N, C-alpha and C. Protein backbone atom coordinates (compact mmCIF):
# COMPACT_ATOMS: atom_id res chain seq x y z
N MET A 1 -1.48 -6.53 -15.27
CA MET A 1 -1.68 -6.87 -13.87
C MET A 1 -2.69 -8.00 -13.77
N PHE A 2 -2.46 -8.94 -12.89
CA PHE A 2 -3.38 -10.05 -12.68
C PHE A 2 -4.53 -9.59 -11.81
N ARG A 3 -5.68 -10.04 -12.12
CA ARG A 3 -6.87 -9.68 -11.38
C ARG A 3 -7.32 -10.85 -10.51
N PRO A 4 -7.96 -10.57 -9.36
CA PRO A 4 -8.41 -11.67 -8.49
C PRO A 4 -9.38 -12.61 -9.17
N PHE A 5 -10.21 -12.10 -10.10
CA PHE A 5 -11.18 -13.00 -10.72
C PHE A 5 -10.49 -14.01 -11.63
N VAL A 6 -9.35 -13.67 -12.21
CA VAL A 6 -8.59 -14.63 -13.00
C VAL A 6 -8.03 -15.70 -12.07
N LEU A 7 -7.49 -15.28 -10.93
CA LEU A 7 -6.92 -16.22 -9.99
C LEU A 7 -7.99 -17.08 -9.33
N SER A 8 -9.17 -16.51 -9.11
CA SER A 8 -10.23 -17.27 -8.46
C SER A 8 -10.77 -18.37 -9.37
N GLN A 9 -10.49 -18.27 -10.68
CA GLN A 9 -10.91 -19.32 -11.60
C GLN A 9 -9.86 -20.43 -11.70
N LYS A 10 -8.76 -20.25 -10.96
CA LYS A 10 -7.66 -21.22 -10.90
C LYS A 10 -7.11 -21.52 -12.29
N GLU A 11 -6.84 -20.47 -13.04
CA GLU A 11 -6.25 -20.63 -14.35
C GLU A 11 -4.76 -20.89 -14.18
N ALA A 12 -4.34 -22.07 -14.55
CA ALA A 12 -2.97 -22.52 -14.30
C ALA A 12 -1.94 -21.63 -14.99
N GLY A 13 -2.24 -21.17 -16.18
CA GLY A 13 -1.30 -20.33 -16.92
C GLY A 13 -1.05 -19.01 -16.21
N ALA A 14 -2.11 -18.38 -15.76
CA ALA A 14 -1.97 -17.10 -15.07
C ALA A 14 -1.21 -17.26 -13.76
N VAL A 15 -1.50 -18.33 -13.04
CA VAL A 15 -0.83 -18.57 -11.76
C VAL A 15 0.64 -18.85 -11.98
N SER A 16 0.98 -19.66 -12.97
CA SER A 16 2.39 -19.98 -13.21
C SER A 16 3.17 -18.75 -13.67
N ARG A 17 2.56 -17.88 -14.49
CA ARG A 17 3.22 -16.63 -14.89
C ARG A 17 3.43 -15.73 -13.68
N LEU A 18 2.45 -15.69 -12.82
CA LEU A 18 2.55 -14.88 -11.62
C LEU A 18 3.68 -15.35 -10.71
N LEU A 19 3.77 -16.65 -10.49
CA LEU A 19 4.81 -17.19 -9.62
C LEU A 19 6.19 -17.12 -10.27
N ALA A 20 6.27 -17.25 -11.59
CA ALA A 20 7.56 -17.16 -12.27
C ALA A 20 8.12 -15.74 -12.18
N GLY A 21 7.28 -14.75 -12.32
CA GLY A 21 7.73 -13.37 -12.24
C GLY A 21 8.04 -12.94 -10.83
N MET A 22 7.55 -13.66 -9.86
CA MET A 22 7.73 -13.29 -8.47
C MET A 22 9.16 -13.49 -7.99
N GLU A 23 9.90 -14.39 -8.61
CA GLU A 23 11.25 -14.72 -8.16
C GLU A 23 12.20 -13.54 -8.22
N VAL A 24 11.98 -12.60 -9.15
CA VAL A 24 12.90 -11.47 -9.30
C VAL A 24 12.40 -10.22 -8.59
N MET A 25 11.31 -10.31 -7.86
CA MET A 25 10.72 -9.15 -7.20
C MET A 25 11.33 -8.91 -5.83
N SER A 26 11.13 -7.71 -5.34
CA SER A 26 11.55 -7.39 -3.98
C SER A 26 10.58 -8.03 -2.99
N ALA A 27 10.95 -8.01 -1.71
CA ALA A 27 10.12 -8.65 -0.68
C ALA A 27 8.73 -8.01 -0.61
N GLY A 28 8.65 -6.71 -0.74
CA GLY A 28 7.36 -6.03 -0.69
C GLY A 28 6.45 -6.44 -1.84
N CYS A 29 7.04 -6.55 -3.03
CA CYS A 29 6.25 -6.97 -4.19
C CYS A 29 5.86 -8.44 -4.09
N ARG A 30 6.76 -9.26 -3.52
CA ARG A 30 6.41 -10.68 -3.34
C ARG A 30 5.22 -10.83 -2.41
N LYS A 31 5.23 -10.07 -1.32
CA LYS A 31 4.11 -10.14 -0.37
C LYS A 31 2.81 -9.73 -1.04
N LYS A 32 2.85 -8.66 -1.80
CA LYS A 32 1.65 -8.19 -2.49
C LYS A 32 1.16 -9.22 -3.50
N THR A 33 2.09 -9.80 -4.25
CA THR A 33 1.74 -10.80 -5.26
C THR A 33 1.12 -12.03 -4.61
N LEU A 34 1.76 -12.53 -3.57
CA LEU A 34 1.22 -13.72 -2.90
C LEU A 34 -0.09 -13.42 -2.19
N SER A 35 -0.26 -12.19 -1.70
CA SER A 35 -1.53 -11.81 -1.08
C SER A 35 -2.65 -11.82 -2.11
N TRP A 36 -2.37 -11.33 -3.32
CA TRP A 36 -3.37 -11.36 -4.40
C TRP A 36 -3.72 -12.80 -4.75
N LEU A 37 -2.69 -13.64 -4.83
CA LEU A 37 -2.93 -15.05 -5.14
C LEU A 37 -3.76 -15.71 -4.04
N LEU A 38 -3.44 -15.41 -2.80
CA LEU A 38 -4.19 -15.94 -1.66
C LEU A 38 -5.65 -15.51 -1.72
N ARG A 39 -5.89 -14.23 -1.97
CA ARG A 39 -7.28 -13.73 -2.06
C ARG A 39 -8.04 -14.39 -3.20
N GLY A 40 -7.35 -14.59 -4.32
CA GLY A 40 -8.00 -15.24 -5.47
C GLY A 40 -8.42 -16.66 -5.16
N TYR A 41 -7.53 -17.40 -4.51
CA TYR A 41 -7.87 -18.78 -4.14
C TYR A 41 -9.02 -18.82 -3.14
N VAL A 42 -9.00 -17.92 -2.17
CA VAL A 42 -10.08 -17.89 -1.18
C VAL A 42 -11.39 -17.53 -1.86
N LYS A 43 -11.35 -16.53 -2.74
CA LYS A 43 -12.57 -16.12 -3.44
C LYS A 43 -13.13 -17.26 -4.28
N GLY A 44 -12.25 -18.04 -4.90
CA GLY A 44 -12.69 -19.16 -5.74
C GLY A 44 -13.04 -20.41 -4.96
N GLY A 45 -12.73 -20.44 -3.66
CA GLY A 45 -13.04 -21.60 -2.84
C GLY A 45 -11.99 -22.69 -2.91
N TYR A 46 -10.79 -22.37 -3.37
CA TYR A 46 -9.70 -23.33 -3.47
C TYR A 46 -8.84 -23.22 -2.21
N TYR A 47 -9.34 -23.76 -1.12
CA TYR A 47 -8.70 -23.57 0.17
C TYR A 47 -7.41 -24.38 0.33
N LEU A 48 -7.29 -25.50 -0.35
CA LEU A 48 -6.04 -26.25 -0.28
C LEU A 48 -4.91 -25.48 -0.96
N ASP A 49 -5.20 -24.86 -2.10
CA ASP A 49 -4.21 -24.03 -2.77
C ASP A 49 -3.91 -22.77 -1.97
N ALA A 50 -4.94 -22.23 -1.33
CA ALA A 50 -4.74 -21.05 -0.47
C ALA A 50 -3.84 -21.40 0.71
N THR A 51 -4.01 -22.60 1.26
CA THR A 51 -3.16 -23.04 2.35
C THR A 51 -1.72 -23.18 1.90
N GLU A 52 -1.52 -23.73 0.72
CA GLU A 52 -0.18 -23.87 0.17
C GLU A 52 0.47 -22.49 -0.03
N THR A 53 -0.29 -21.54 -0.52
CA THR A 53 0.22 -20.18 -0.71
C THR A 53 0.55 -19.53 0.62
N LEU A 54 -0.31 -19.72 1.61
CA LEU A 54 -0.07 -19.17 2.94
C LEU A 54 1.20 -19.75 3.55
N MET A 55 1.40 -21.06 3.41
CA MET A 55 2.60 -21.70 3.92
C MET A 55 3.84 -21.19 3.18
N LYS A 56 3.71 -20.95 1.88
CA LYS A 56 4.83 -20.42 1.10
C LYS A 56 5.21 -19.03 1.60
N MET A 57 4.20 -18.22 1.90
CA MET A 57 4.47 -16.89 2.43
C MET A 57 5.21 -16.98 3.76
N LEU A 58 4.77 -17.87 4.63
CA LEU A 58 5.41 -18.02 5.93
C LEU A 58 6.84 -18.53 5.78
N ASN A 59 7.09 -19.42 4.82
CA ASN A 59 8.43 -19.93 4.58
C ASN A 59 9.37 -18.83 4.08
N LEU A 60 8.83 -17.88 3.33
CA LEU A 60 9.63 -16.77 2.82
C LEU A 60 9.81 -15.66 3.85
N GLY A 61 9.16 -15.81 5.00
CA GLY A 61 9.26 -14.79 6.05
C GLY A 61 8.32 -13.63 5.82
N LEU A 62 7.32 -13.82 4.98
CA LEU A 62 6.32 -12.79 4.70
C LEU A 62 5.07 -13.10 5.52
N TYR A 63 4.60 -12.13 6.24
CA TYR A 63 3.44 -12.35 7.10
C TYR A 63 2.18 -11.84 6.42
N PRO A 64 1.27 -12.76 6.08
CA PRO A 64 0.03 -12.35 5.44
C PRO A 64 -0.85 -11.55 6.40
N ASP A 65 -1.73 -10.75 5.82
CA ASP A 65 -2.60 -9.95 6.67
C ASP A 65 -3.60 -10.84 7.41
N TYR A 66 -4.18 -10.27 8.45
CA TYR A 66 -5.07 -11.01 9.34
C TYR A 66 -6.27 -11.60 8.60
N ILE A 67 -6.84 -10.81 7.72
CA ILE A 67 -8.03 -11.27 6.98
C ILE A 67 -7.71 -12.50 6.14
N GLY A 68 -6.57 -12.51 5.50
CA GLY A 68 -6.17 -13.67 4.70
C GLY A 68 -5.99 -14.92 5.53
N ARG A 69 -5.33 -14.77 6.67
CA ARG A 69 -5.12 -15.93 7.55
C ARG A 69 -6.44 -16.50 8.02
N VAL A 70 -7.33 -15.63 8.45
CA VAL A 70 -8.62 -16.08 8.98
C VAL A 70 -9.46 -16.73 7.88
N ALA A 71 -9.45 -16.14 6.69
CA ALA A 71 -10.23 -16.70 5.59
C ALA A 71 -9.77 -18.11 5.23
N VAL A 72 -8.47 -18.33 5.22
CA VAL A 72 -7.95 -19.66 4.91
C VAL A 72 -8.31 -20.65 6.01
N LEU A 73 -8.16 -20.26 7.26
CA LEU A 73 -8.49 -21.16 8.36
C LEU A 73 -9.99 -21.49 8.38
N GLN A 74 -10.83 -20.50 8.13
CA GLN A 74 -12.28 -20.77 8.09
C GLN A 74 -12.64 -21.67 6.91
N GLY A 75 -12.01 -21.43 5.77
CA GLY A 75 -12.27 -22.27 4.60
C GLY A 75 -11.84 -23.70 4.83
N LEU A 76 -10.68 -23.88 5.46
CA LEU A 76 -10.23 -25.24 5.78
C LEU A 76 -11.18 -25.89 6.79
N GLY A 77 -11.70 -25.11 7.70
CA GLY A 77 -12.68 -25.64 8.66
C GLY A 77 -13.90 -26.20 7.95
N LYS A 78 -14.35 -25.50 6.92
CA LYS A 78 -15.49 -26.00 6.13
C LYS A 78 -15.12 -27.27 5.38
N SER A 79 -13.92 -27.31 4.84
CA SER A 79 -13.52 -28.51 4.09
C SER A 79 -13.34 -29.72 4.99
N ILE A 80 -13.02 -29.49 6.26
CA ILE A 80 -12.92 -30.60 7.21
C ILE A 80 -14.27 -31.26 7.39
N ARG A 81 -15.31 -30.44 7.48
CA ARG A 81 -16.66 -30.99 7.66
C ARG A 81 -17.07 -31.82 6.44
N GLU A 82 -16.55 -31.46 5.26
CA GLU A 82 -16.90 -32.20 4.05
C GLU A 82 -16.06 -33.45 3.87
N SER A 83 -14.74 -33.33 4.11
CA SER A 83 -13.85 -34.45 3.82
C SER A 83 -13.47 -35.27 5.04
N GLY A 84 -13.46 -34.66 6.22
CA GLY A 84 -13.06 -35.37 7.43
C GLY A 84 -11.56 -35.38 7.65
N SER A 85 -10.79 -34.76 6.77
CA SER A 85 -9.34 -34.73 6.90
C SER A 85 -8.91 -33.50 7.70
N ILE A 86 -8.27 -33.73 8.82
CA ILE A 86 -7.94 -32.64 9.73
C ILE A 86 -6.44 -32.32 9.76
N GLU A 87 -5.60 -33.13 9.13
CA GLU A 87 -4.15 -32.98 9.23
C GLU A 87 -3.66 -31.63 8.74
N LEU A 88 -4.12 -31.19 7.58
CA LEU A 88 -3.66 -29.92 7.02
C LEU A 88 -4.08 -28.75 7.90
N TYR A 89 -5.29 -28.81 8.42
CA TYR A 89 -5.78 -27.75 9.31
C TYR A 89 -4.93 -27.66 10.57
N MET A 90 -4.62 -28.81 11.16
CA MET A 90 -3.80 -28.84 12.36
C MET A 90 -2.40 -28.32 12.08
N LYS A 91 -1.84 -28.70 10.95
CA LYS A 91 -0.50 -28.26 10.57
C LYS A 91 -0.46 -26.74 10.40
N LEU A 92 -1.47 -26.19 9.73
CA LEU A 92 -1.52 -24.75 9.52
C LEU A 92 -1.75 -24.00 10.83
N CYS A 93 -2.63 -24.49 11.67
CA CYS A 93 -2.87 -23.85 12.97
C CYS A 93 -1.60 -23.82 13.80
N LYS A 94 -0.90 -24.93 13.83
CA LYS A 94 0.34 -25.00 14.60
C LYS A 94 1.38 -24.04 14.05
N ARG A 95 1.52 -23.99 12.74
CA ARG A 95 2.53 -23.12 12.12
C ARG A 95 2.23 -21.65 12.40
N VAL A 96 0.99 -21.25 12.22
CA VAL A 96 0.62 -19.84 12.43
C VAL A 96 0.69 -19.49 13.91
N SER A 97 0.34 -20.41 14.77
CA SER A 97 0.42 -20.17 16.21
C SER A 97 1.87 -20.09 16.67
N ASP A 98 2.75 -20.95 16.14
CA ASP A 98 4.16 -20.91 16.48
C ASP A 98 4.82 -19.60 16.08
N MET A 99 4.34 -19.00 15.00
CA MET A 99 4.88 -17.72 14.55
C MET A 99 4.22 -16.55 15.28
N GLU A 100 3.31 -16.88 16.21
CA GLU A 100 2.59 -15.89 17.03
C GLU A 100 1.77 -14.91 16.18
N LEU A 101 1.17 -15.44 15.10
CA LEU A 101 0.29 -14.62 14.27
C LEU A 101 -1.16 -14.73 14.71
N ILE A 102 -1.47 -15.78 15.46
CA ILE A 102 -2.79 -15.94 16.05
C ILE A 102 -2.60 -16.47 17.46
N GLY A 103 -3.66 -16.39 18.23
CA GLY A 103 -3.63 -16.97 19.57
C GLY A 103 -3.78 -18.47 19.47
N PRO A 104 -3.84 -19.15 20.59
CA PRO A 104 -4.02 -20.60 20.57
C PRO A 104 -5.33 -20.99 19.88
N CYS A 105 -5.29 -22.09 19.15
CA CYS A 105 -6.47 -22.60 18.46
C CYS A 105 -7.07 -23.74 19.28
N LEU A 106 -8.37 -23.75 19.37
CA LEU A 106 -9.08 -24.84 20.00
C LEU A 106 -9.74 -25.63 18.88
N VAL A 107 -9.30 -26.86 18.71
CA VAL A 107 -9.81 -27.71 17.63
C VAL A 107 -10.64 -28.81 18.26
N TYR A 108 -11.86 -28.98 17.76
CA TYR A 108 -12.72 -30.04 18.27
C TYR A 108 -13.29 -30.83 17.10
N LEU A 109 -13.43 -32.11 17.32
CA LEU A 109 -13.87 -33.02 16.27
C LEU A 109 -14.78 -34.06 16.90
N TYR A 110 -15.90 -34.33 16.25
CA TYR A 110 -16.82 -35.36 16.72
C TYR A 110 -16.64 -36.61 15.87
N VAL A 111 -16.39 -37.75 16.52
CA VAL A 111 -16.20 -39.02 15.83
C VAL A 111 -17.50 -39.81 15.98
N ASN A 112 -18.24 -39.92 14.90
CA ASN A 112 -19.55 -40.59 14.92
C ASN A 112 -19.45 -42.04 15.37
N ARG A 113 -18.44 -42.73 14.90
CA ARG A 113 -18.32 -44.16 15.18
C ARG A 113 -18.28 -44.44 16.68
N TYR A 114 -17.59 -43.59 17.43
CA TYR A 114 -17.45 -43.80 18.86
C TYR A 114 -18.31 -42.87 19.70
N LYS A 115 -19.06 -41.99 19.04
CA LYS A 115 -19.85 -40.98 19.72
C LYS A 115 -18.99 -40.24 20.74
N LEU A 116 -17.90 -39.68 20.20
CA LEU A 116 -16.86 -39.11 21.04
C LEU A 116 -16.43 -37.75 20.49
N TRP A 117 -16.31 -36.77 21.38
CA TRP A 117 -15.75 -35.47 21.03
C TRP A 117 -14.28 -35.47 21.37
N VAL A 118 -13.45 -35.02 20.46
CA VAL A 118 -12.02 -34.88 20.70
C VAL A 118 -11.70 -33.39 20.64
N VAL A 119 -11.10 -32.88 21.71
CA VAL A 119 -10.77 -31.46 21.79
C VAL A 119 -9.28 -31.32 22.02
N ASP A 120 -8.64 -30.43 21.26
CA ASP A 120 -7.21 -30.22 21.40
C ASP A 120 -6.92 -28.74 21.24
N MET A 121 -6.02 -28.24 22.07
CA MET A 121 -5.61 -26.85 21.95
C MET A 121 -4.21 -26.80 21.36
N ILE A 122 -4.08 -26.00 20.33
CA ILE A 122 -2.78 -25.86 19.67
C ILE A 122 -2.23 -24.48 20.01
């Protein structure tokens, strides 16, 4: 069994074995496997990979638990402050909101160059 600490270290071999074995699993096992992968990425601070995993779950019709969704969105919020890239966060908010897994998101961004706040509700 894969452990979250192995996944949180982003070991490519363990992740690829996990995803390769997932193809033959039932829907319940796929959800559990992807949830473990999601938790490992969040624990390790790999929020871009966690976002990719969350989107993969949504594409498969598997709904991640509330804690996982919130952890990924909060982690992406932190990465926005560091990198300034908001596209992935907006895409994920829209996707999760469209599936009615969260309420509307209020996104705000301060642009230093223009001394301007930009607020958008998704």
